[in-house]
C-alpha atoms as a PDB file:
ATOM      1  CA  PHE A   1       0.000   0.000   0.000  1.00  0.00           C
ATOM      2  CA  GLU A   2       0.990   3.612  -0.409  1.00  0.00           C
ATOM      3  CA  LEU A   3       2.743   5.078   2.642  1.00  0.00           C
ATOM      4  CA  GLY A   4       1.862   8.662   1.789  1.00  0.00           C
ATOM      5  CA  ASP A   5       3.273  10.928   4.509  1.00  0.00           C
ATOM      6  CA  TYR A   6       3.821   8.124   7.028  1.00  0.00           C
ATOM      7  CA  GLY A   7       7.577   7.897   6.386  1.00  0.00           C
ATOM      8  CA  LEU A   8       9.668   4.750   6.729  1.00  0.00           C
ATOM      9  CA  PHE A   9       7.840   1.489   7.476  1.00  0.00           C
ATOM     10  CA  GLY A  10       9.791  -1.645   8.319  1.00  0.00           C
ATOM     11  CA  ALA A  11      10.094  -4.810  10.389  1.00  0.00           C
ATOM     12  CA  VAL A  12      12.635  -3.417  12.842  1.00  0.00           C
ATOM     13  CA  ASN A  13      13.067  -0.196  14.781  1.00  0.00           C
ATOM     14  CA  VAL A  14      15.577   1.814  12.783  1.00  0.00           C
ATOM     15  CA  GLY A  15      15.109   5.338  14.071  1.00  0.00           C
ATOM     16  CA  LYS A  16      12.674   8.031  15.091  1.00  0.00           C
ATOM     17  CA  ASP A  17      11.059   8.174  11.639  1.00  0.00           C
ATOM     18  CA  ALA A  18      10.273   4.453  11.595  1.00  0.00           C
ATOM     19  CA  CYS A  19       6.931   2.904  12.491  1.00  0.00           C
ATOM     20  CA  TRP A  20       7.541  -0.320  14.399  1.00  0.00           C
ATOM     21  CA  TRP A  21       5.246  -2.477  16.531  1.00  0.00           C
ATOM     22  CA  ASP A  22       6.889  -4.919  18.932  1.00  0.00           C
ATOM     23  CA  TYR A  23       4.862  -7.938  20.148  1.00  0.00           C
ATOM     24  CA  GLY A  24       7.748  -9.828  21.773  1.00  0.00           C
ATOM     25  CA  GLN A  25       6.706  -9.209  25.385  1.00  0.00           C
ATOM     26  CA  VAL A  26       3.264  -9.514  26.962  1.00  0.00           C
ATOM     27  CA  LYS A  27       3.141  -5.823  27.842  1.00  0.00           C
ATOM     28  CA  LEU A  28       4.061  -4.881  24.259  1.00  0.00           C
ATOM     29  CA  TYR A  29       1.631  -7.420  22.803  1.00  0.00           C
ATOM     30  CA  SER A  30      -1.085  -5.742  24.875  1.00  0.00           C
ATOM     31  CA  LYS A  31      -0.007  -2.218  24.009  1.00  0.00           C
ATOM     32  CA  ASN A  32       0.247  -2.783  20.266  1.00  0.00           C
ATOM     33  CA  SER A  33      -2.882  -4.922  19.991  1.00  0.00           C
ATOM     34  CA  LEU A  34      -4.931  -2.250  21.745  1.00  0.00           C
ATOM     35  CA  LEU A  35      -3.292   0.324  19.471  1.00  0.00           C
ATOM     36  CA  LEU A  36      -6.061  -0.583  17.010  1.00  0.00           C
ATOM     37  CA  LEU A  37      -8.484   1.348  19.209  1.00  0.00           C
ATOM     38  CA  GLU A  38      -6.566   4.614  19.068  1.00  0.00           C
ATOM     39  CA  ASP A  39      -6.875   7.568  16.715  1.00  0.00           C
ATOM     40  CA  SER A  40      -3.180   8.236  16.174  1.00  0.00           C
ATOM     41  CA  PRO A  41      -1.029   8.139  13.012  1.00  0.00           C
ATOM     42  CA  SER A  42       0.502   4.852  14.165  1.00  0.00           C
ATOM     43  CA  ALA A  43      -2.941   3.341  14.818  1.00  0.00           C
ATOM     44  CA  LYS A  44      -4.202   4.438  11.419  1.00  0.00           C
ATOM     45  CA  LEU A  45      -1.170   2.866   9.740  1.00  0.00           C
ATOM     46  CA  LEU A  46      -1.666  -0.372  11.698  1.00  0.00           C
ATOM     47  CA  ARG A  47      -5.283  -0.614  10.568  1.00  0.00           C
ATOM     48  CA  GLN A  48      -4.217   0.091   7.007  1.00  0.00           C
ATOM     49  CA  PHE A  49      -1.443  -2.510   7.187  1.00  0.00           C
ATOM     50  CA  LEU A  50      -3.874  -5.135   8.543  1.00  0.00           C
ATOM     51  CA  GLY A  51      -6.541  -4.214   6.011  1.00  0.00           C
ATOM     52  CA  VAL A  52      -9.036  -3.285   8.732  1.00  0.00           C
ATOM     53  CA  LYS A  53     -11.894  -1.285   7.250  1.00  0.00           C
ATOM     54  CA  SER A  54     -14.626  -1.864   9.814  1.00  0.00           C
ATOM     55  CA  ASN A  55     -14.979  -2.339  13.567  1.00  0.00           C
ATOM     56  CA  LEU A  56     -16.727  -5.641  12.913  1.00  0.00           C
ATOM     57  CA  THR A  57     -15.346  -8.052  10.320  1.00  0.00           C
ATOM     58  CA  ASP A  58     -16.995 -11.434   9.594  1.00  0.00           C
ATOM     59  CA  CYS A  59     -18.870 -11.328  12.907  1.00  0.00           C
ATOM     60  CA  GLN A  60     -22.272 -12.490  14.137  1.00  0.00           C
ATOM     61  CA  VAL A  61     -22.904 -10.418  17.246  1.00  0.00           C
ATOM     62  CA  ASP A  62     -26.405  -9.057  16.731  1.00  0.00           C
ATOM     63  CA  GLY A  63     -27.374  -9.616  20.368  1.00  0.00           C
ATOM     64  CA  VAL A  64     -24.194  -8.039  21.730  1.00  0.00           C
ATOM     65  CA  THR A  65     -23.723  -4.364  22.577  1.00  0.00           C
ATOM     66  CA  VAL A  66     -20.482  -3.328  20.890  1.00  0.00           C
ATOM     67  CA  ASP A  67     -19.108   0.170  21.417  1.00  0.00           C
ATOM     68  CA  GLY A  68     -17.624   2.235  18.611  1.00  0.00           C
ATOM     69  CA  ALA A  69     -14.041   1.808  19.806  1.00  0.00           C
ATOM     70  CA  SER A  70     -13.758  -1.993  19.816  1.00  0.00           C
ATOM     71  CA  TYR A  71     -12.627  -4.198  16.946  1.00  0.00           C
ATOM     72  CA  ALA A  72     -13.863  -7.756  16.417  1.00  0.00           C
ATOM     73  CA  PHE A  73     -12.911 -10.281  13.753  1.00  0.00           C
ATOM     74  CA  ASP A  74     -14.422 -13.681  12.886  1.00  0.00           C
ATOM     75  CA  SER A  75     -16.349 -13.798  16.160  1.00  0.00           C
ATOM     76  CA  LYS A  76     -19.786 -15.040  17.162  1.00  0.00           C
ATOM     77  CA  ALA A  77     -21.662 -14.279  20.380  1.00  0.00           C
ATOM     78  CA  LYS A  78     -25.331 -14.141  21.270  1.00  0.00           C
ATOM     79  CA  SER A  79     -25.474 -11.677  24.182  1.00  0.00           C
ATOM     80  CA  GLY A  80     -23.434  -9.374  26.381  1.00  0.00           C
ATOM     81  CA  SER A  81     -21.181  -6.416  25.705  1.00  0.00           C
ATOM     82  CA  ILE A  82     -17.815  -5.564  24.172  1.00  0.00           C
ATOM     83  CA  THR A  83     -16.183  -2.317  25.273  1.00  0.00           C
ATOM     84  CA  LYS A  84     -12.753  -0.960  24.311  1.00  0.00           C
ATOM     85  CA  SER A  85     -11.590  -4.454  23.390  1.00  0.00           C
ATOM     86  CA  VAL A  86      -9.938  -6.405  20.573  1.00  0.00           C
ATOM     87  CA  VAL A  87     -11.631  -9.728  19.823  1.00  0.00           C
ATOM     88  CA  SER A  88     -10.797 -12.384  17.240  1.00  0.00           C
ATOM     89  CA  GLY A  89     -11.953 -15.947  16.658  1.00  0.00           C
ATOM     90  CA  VAL A  90     -14.325 -15.979  19.640  1.00  0.00           C
ATOM     91  CA  ARG A  91     -17.374 -18.210  20.077  1.00  0.00           C
ATOM     92  CA  SER A  92     -19.543 -17.616  23.145  1.00  0.00           C
ATOM     93  CA  LEU A  93     -23.154 -17.474  24.264  1.00  0.00           C
ATOM     94  CA  GLU A  94     -22.392 -14.466  26.463  1.00  0.00           C
ATOM     95  CA  VAL A  95     -19.448 -12.063  26.527  1.00  0.00           C
ATOM     96  CA  THR A  96     -18.616  -9.266  28.936  1.00  0.00           C
ATOM     97  CA  LEU A  97     -15.387  -7.734  27.714  1.00  0.00           C
ATOM     98  CA  ASP A  98     -14.034  -4.401  28.926  1.00  0.00           C
ATOM     99  CA  GLY A  99     -10.598  -3.265  27.799  1.00  0.00           C
ATOM    100  CA  ALA A 100      -9.546  -6.830  27.019  1.00  0.00           C
ATOM    101  CA  ILE A 101      -7.835  -8.827  24.271  1.00  0.00           C
ATOM    102  CA  VAL A 102      -9.527 -12.159  23.523  1.00  0.00           C
ATOM    103  CA  VAL A 103      -8.231 -14.412  20.737  1.00  0.00           C
ATOM    104  CA  ASN A 104      -9.412 -17.870  19.600  1.00  0.00           C
ATOM    105  CA  CYS A 105     -11.447 -18.593  22.725  1.00  0.00           C
ATOM    106  CA  VAL A 106     -14.595 -20.704  23.059  1.00  0.00           C
ATOM    107  CA  ALA A 107     -16.792 -20.809  26.163  1.00  0.00           C
ATOM    108  CA  LYS A 108     -20.414 -20.487  27.214  1.00  0.00           C
ATOM    109  CA  LYS A 109     -19.481 -17.267  29.005  1.00  0.00           C
ATOM    110  CA  ILE A 110     -16.402 -15.097  28.700  1.00  0.00           C
ATOM    111  CA  LYS A 111     -15.791 -12.255  31.129  1.00  0.00           C
ATOM    112  CA  ALA A 112     -12.578 -10.241  30.964  1.00  0.00           C
ATOM    113  CA  GLY A 113     -11.660  -6.983  32.664  1.00  0.00           C
ATOM    114  CA  PRO A 114      -9.351  -4.116  31.687  1.00  0.00           C
ATOM    115  CA  GLY A 115      -5.915  -5.235  30.540  1.00  0.00           C
ATOM    116  CA  ALA A 116      -6.823  -8.930  30.488  1.00  0.00           C
ATOM    117  CA  ILE A 117      -5.515 -11.198  27.731  1.00  0.00           C
ATOM    118  CA  LEU A 118      -7.163 -14.524  26.857  1.00  0.00           C
ATOM    119  CA  TYR A 119      -5.598 -16.679  24.150  1.00  0.00           C
ATOM    120  CA  GLY A 120      -6.635 -20.013  22.693  1.00  0.00           C
ATOM    121  CA  ILE A 121      -8.796 -21.213  25.595  1.00  0.00           C
ATOM    122  CA  VAL A 122     -11.530 -23.787  25.010  1.00  0.00           C
ATOM    123  CA  ASP A 123     -13.759 -24.073  28.083  1.00  0.00           C
ATOM    124  CA  LYS A 124     -16.638 -26.544  28.439  1.00  0.00           C
ATOM    125  CA  SER A 125     -17.914 -25.455  31.854  1.00  0.00           C
ATOM    126  CA  ASP A 126     -21.177 -23.631  32.540  1.00  0.00           C
ATOM    127  CA  GLU A 127     -19.242 -20.910  34.368  1.00  0.00           C
ATOM    128  CA  GLY A 128     -17.023 -20.227  31.385  1.00  0.00           C
ATOM    129  CA  ILE A 129     -13.888 -18.092  31.445  1.00  0.00           C
ATOM    130  CA  VAL A 130     -13.461 -15.329  34.016  1.00  0.00           C
ATOM    131  CA  ALA A 131     -10.406 -13.077  33.854  1.00  0.00           C
ATOM    132  CA  ASP A 132      -9.929 -10.229  36.296  1.00  0.00           C
ATOM    133  CA  ALA A 133      -8.295  -6.965  35.299  1.00  0.00           C
ATOM    134  CA  GLY A 134      -4.717  -7.538  34.179  1.00  0.00           C
ATOM    135  CA  ALA A 135      -5.024 -11.323  34.062  1.00  0.00           C
ATOM    136  CA  VAL A 136      -3.206 -13.252  31.334  1.00  0.00           C
ATOM    137  CA  MET A 137      -4.519 -16.733  30.469  1.00  0.00           C
ATOM    138  CA  VAL A 138      -3.145 -18.808  27.594  1.00  0.00           C
ATOM    139  CA  ASN A 139      -3.978 -22.341  26.548  1.00  0.00           C
ATOM    140  CA  VAL A 140      -0.983 -24.617  25.977  1.00  0.00           C
ATOM    141  CA  THR A 141      -1.625 -27.857  24.111  1.00  0.00           C
ATOM    142  CA  ALA A 142       0.960 -30.646  24.045  1.00  0.00           C
ATOM    143  CA  ALA A 143       1.623 -33.104  21.224  1.00  0.00           C
ATOM    144  CA  ASP A 144      -0.470 -35.779  22.956  1.00  0.00           C
ATOM    145  CA  GLY A 145      -3.476 -33.441  22.954  1.00  0.00           C
ATOM    146  CA  GLU A 146      -3.280 -32.698  26.669  1.00  0.00           C
ATOM    147  CA  SER A 147      -3.908 -29.040  27.387  1.00  0.00           C
ATOM    148  CA  MET A 148      -3.577 -26.648  30.281  1.00  0.00           C
ATOM    149  CA  VAL A 149      -4.199 -22.973  30.913  1.00  0.00           C
ATOM    150  CA  LEU A 150      -1.003 -21.132  31.780  1.00  0.00           C
ATOM    151  CA  LYS A 151      -1.637 -17.990  33.809  1.00  0.00           C
ATOM    152  CA  SER A 152       0.155 -14.769  34.562  1.00  0.00           C
ATOM    153  CA  ARG A 153      -0.606 -11.103  35.176  1.00  0.00           C
ATOM    154  CA  MET A 154       0.328  -7.896  33.429  1.00  0.00           C
ATOM    155  CA  ASP A 155       2.350  -6.831  36.481  1.00  0.00           C
ATOM    156  CA  ILE A 156       4.503  -9.995  36.404  1.00  0.00           C
ATOM    157  CA  ASP A 157       7.805  -9.932  34.518  1.00  0.00           C
ATOM    158  CA  GLY A 158       7.875 -13.310  32.764  1.00  0.00           C
ATOM    159  CA  GLY A 159      11.650 -13.163  32.371  1.00  0.00           C
ATOM    160  CA  LYS A 160      12.263 -12.693  36.080  1.00  0.00           C
ATOM    161  CA  ALA A 161       9.596 -15.286  36.939  1.00  0.00           C
ATOM    162  CA  TRP A 162      10.778 -17.783  34.295  1.00  0.00           C
ATOM    163  CA  LYS A 163      11.854 -20.432  36.812  1.00  0.00           C
ATOM    164  CA  GLN A 164       9.168 -19.725  39.409  1.00  0.00           C
ATOM    165  CA  LYS A 165       5.891 -21.508  40.073  1.00  0.00           C
ATOM    166  CA  LEU A 166       3.556 -18.570  40.413  1.00  0.00           C
ATOM    167  CA  GLU A 167       1.670 -19.157  43.639  1.00  0.00           C
ATOM    168  CA  GLY A 168      -2.065 -19.414  43.149  1.00  0.00           C
ATOM    169  CA  LEU A 169      -1.695 -19.401  39.353  1.00  0.00           C
ATOM    170  CA  ASN A 170       0.351 -22.318  37.987  1.00  0.00           C
ATOM    171  CA  SER A 171       1.608 -25.709  39.171  1.00  0.00           C
ATOM    172  CA  VAL A 172       4.556 -25.545  36.766  1.00  0.00           C
ATOM    173  CA  THR A 173       7.060 -22.893  35.753  1.00  0.00           C
ATOM    174  CA  PHE A 174       7.219 -21.132  32.404  1.00  0.00           C
ATOM    175  CA  GLU A 175      10.540 -22.917  31.876  1.00  0.00           C
ATOM    176  CA  ASP A 176       8.885 -26.308  32.456  1.00  0.00           C
ATOM    177  CA  VAL A 177       6.314 -25.595  29.751  1.00  0.00           C
ATOM    178  CA  HIS A 178       8.990 -24.376  27.358  1.00  0.00           C
ATOM    179  CA  LYS A 179      11.125 -27.496  27.840  1.00  0.00           C
ATOM    180  CA  LYS A 180       8.169 -29.812  27.355  1.00  0.00           C
ATOM    181  CA  ASN A 181       6.986 -28.169  24.154  1.00  0.00           C
ATOM    182  CA  LYS A 182      10.079 -26.720  22.466  1.00  0.00           C
ATOM    183  CA  MET A 183      10.312 -29.617  19.985  1.00  0.00           C
ATOM    184  CA  ALA A 184       6.559 -30.071  19.515  1.00  0.00           C
ATOM    185  CA  ASP A 185       4.956 -30.385  16.084  1.00  0.00           C
ATOM    186  CA  ILE A 186       3.000 -27.140  15.992  1.00  0.00           C
ATOM    187  CA  GLY A 187       1.048 -28.168  12.900  1.00  0.00           C
ATOM    188  CA  ALA A 188      -0.178 -31.417  14.453  1.00  0.00           C
ATOM    189  CA  ILE A 189      -1.071 -29.637  17.687  1.00  0.00           C
ATOM    190  CA  GLN A 190      -3.092 -27.042  15.799  1.00  0.00           C
ATOM    191  CA  VAL A 191      -5.098 -29.785  14.075  1.00  0.00           C
ATOM    192  CA  LYS A 192      -6.010 -31.319  17.447  1.00  0.00           C
ATOM    193  CA  ARG A 193      -6.770 -27.945  18.990  1.00  0.00           C
ATOM    194  CA  GLN A 194      -8.983 -26.980  16.042  1.00  0.00           C
ATOM    195  CA  GLU A 195     -10.964 -30.212  16.389  1.00  0.00           C
ATOM    196  CA  VAL A 196     -11.769 -29.402  20.030  1.00  0.00           C
ATOM    197  CA  TYR A 197     -12.512 -25.758  19.175  1.00  0.00           C
ATOM    198  CA  ASP A 198     -14.961 -26.789  16.443  1.00  0.00           C
ATOM    199  CA  LYS A 199     -16.647 -29.448  18.609  1.00  0.00           C
ATOM    200  CA  VAL A 200     -17.287 -27.112  21.540  1.00  0.00           C
ATOM    201  CA  SER A 201     -18.404 -24.330  19.186  1.00  0.00           C
ATOM    202  CA  ALA A 202     -20.893 -26.687  17.538  1.00  0.00           C
ATOM    203  CA  SER A 203     -22.288 -27.716  20.932  1.00  0.00           C
ATOM    204  CA  MET A 204     -23.300 -24.076  21.451  1.00  0.00           C
ATOM    205  CA  GLY A 205     -24.933 -23.790  18.048  1.00  0.00           C
ATOM    206  CA  PHE A 206     -22.083 -22.083  16.190  1.00  0.00           C
END
């Protein structure tokens, strides 16, 4: 696409005139995902780069109250509200999202507060997924199909806590999960994860 007056655009940060979005840390993933909601030159370029032309893209959310700031992609929900959030690949009977990022999650109910990040979680319970403000919850699926939800918080430095079992959150360390899955076949895991995603989605009528 034409850059116009935006200046240099590249994959690395090469100076003050460059536009560069870093997703390599949780805090930066949050910052630059929520950048979509802003009305700044960088936000406008990000939407242009991603081809985003509407707040709702390929969504079925007629029963959901969605504010004018949020962006949702390929998502289906039957009731609830989405406020100042970025949502993609979600299937839920009821959502209550406020300032959250929710990606590829399926549950009867999904509730996430400001700063929360939910990624790849498939939940079969009646209670659904509940994430307090600043909570980070990510599904990790192993090659044998076994899955777990790895948790953190926006105020936790994952590098410093790499070898720690976060009390009240996880029974394993981030390092344990990395060692177990570093040689995993990501393609095969995605096939298994997609099967579960589709099955639970279908059980809710999606």
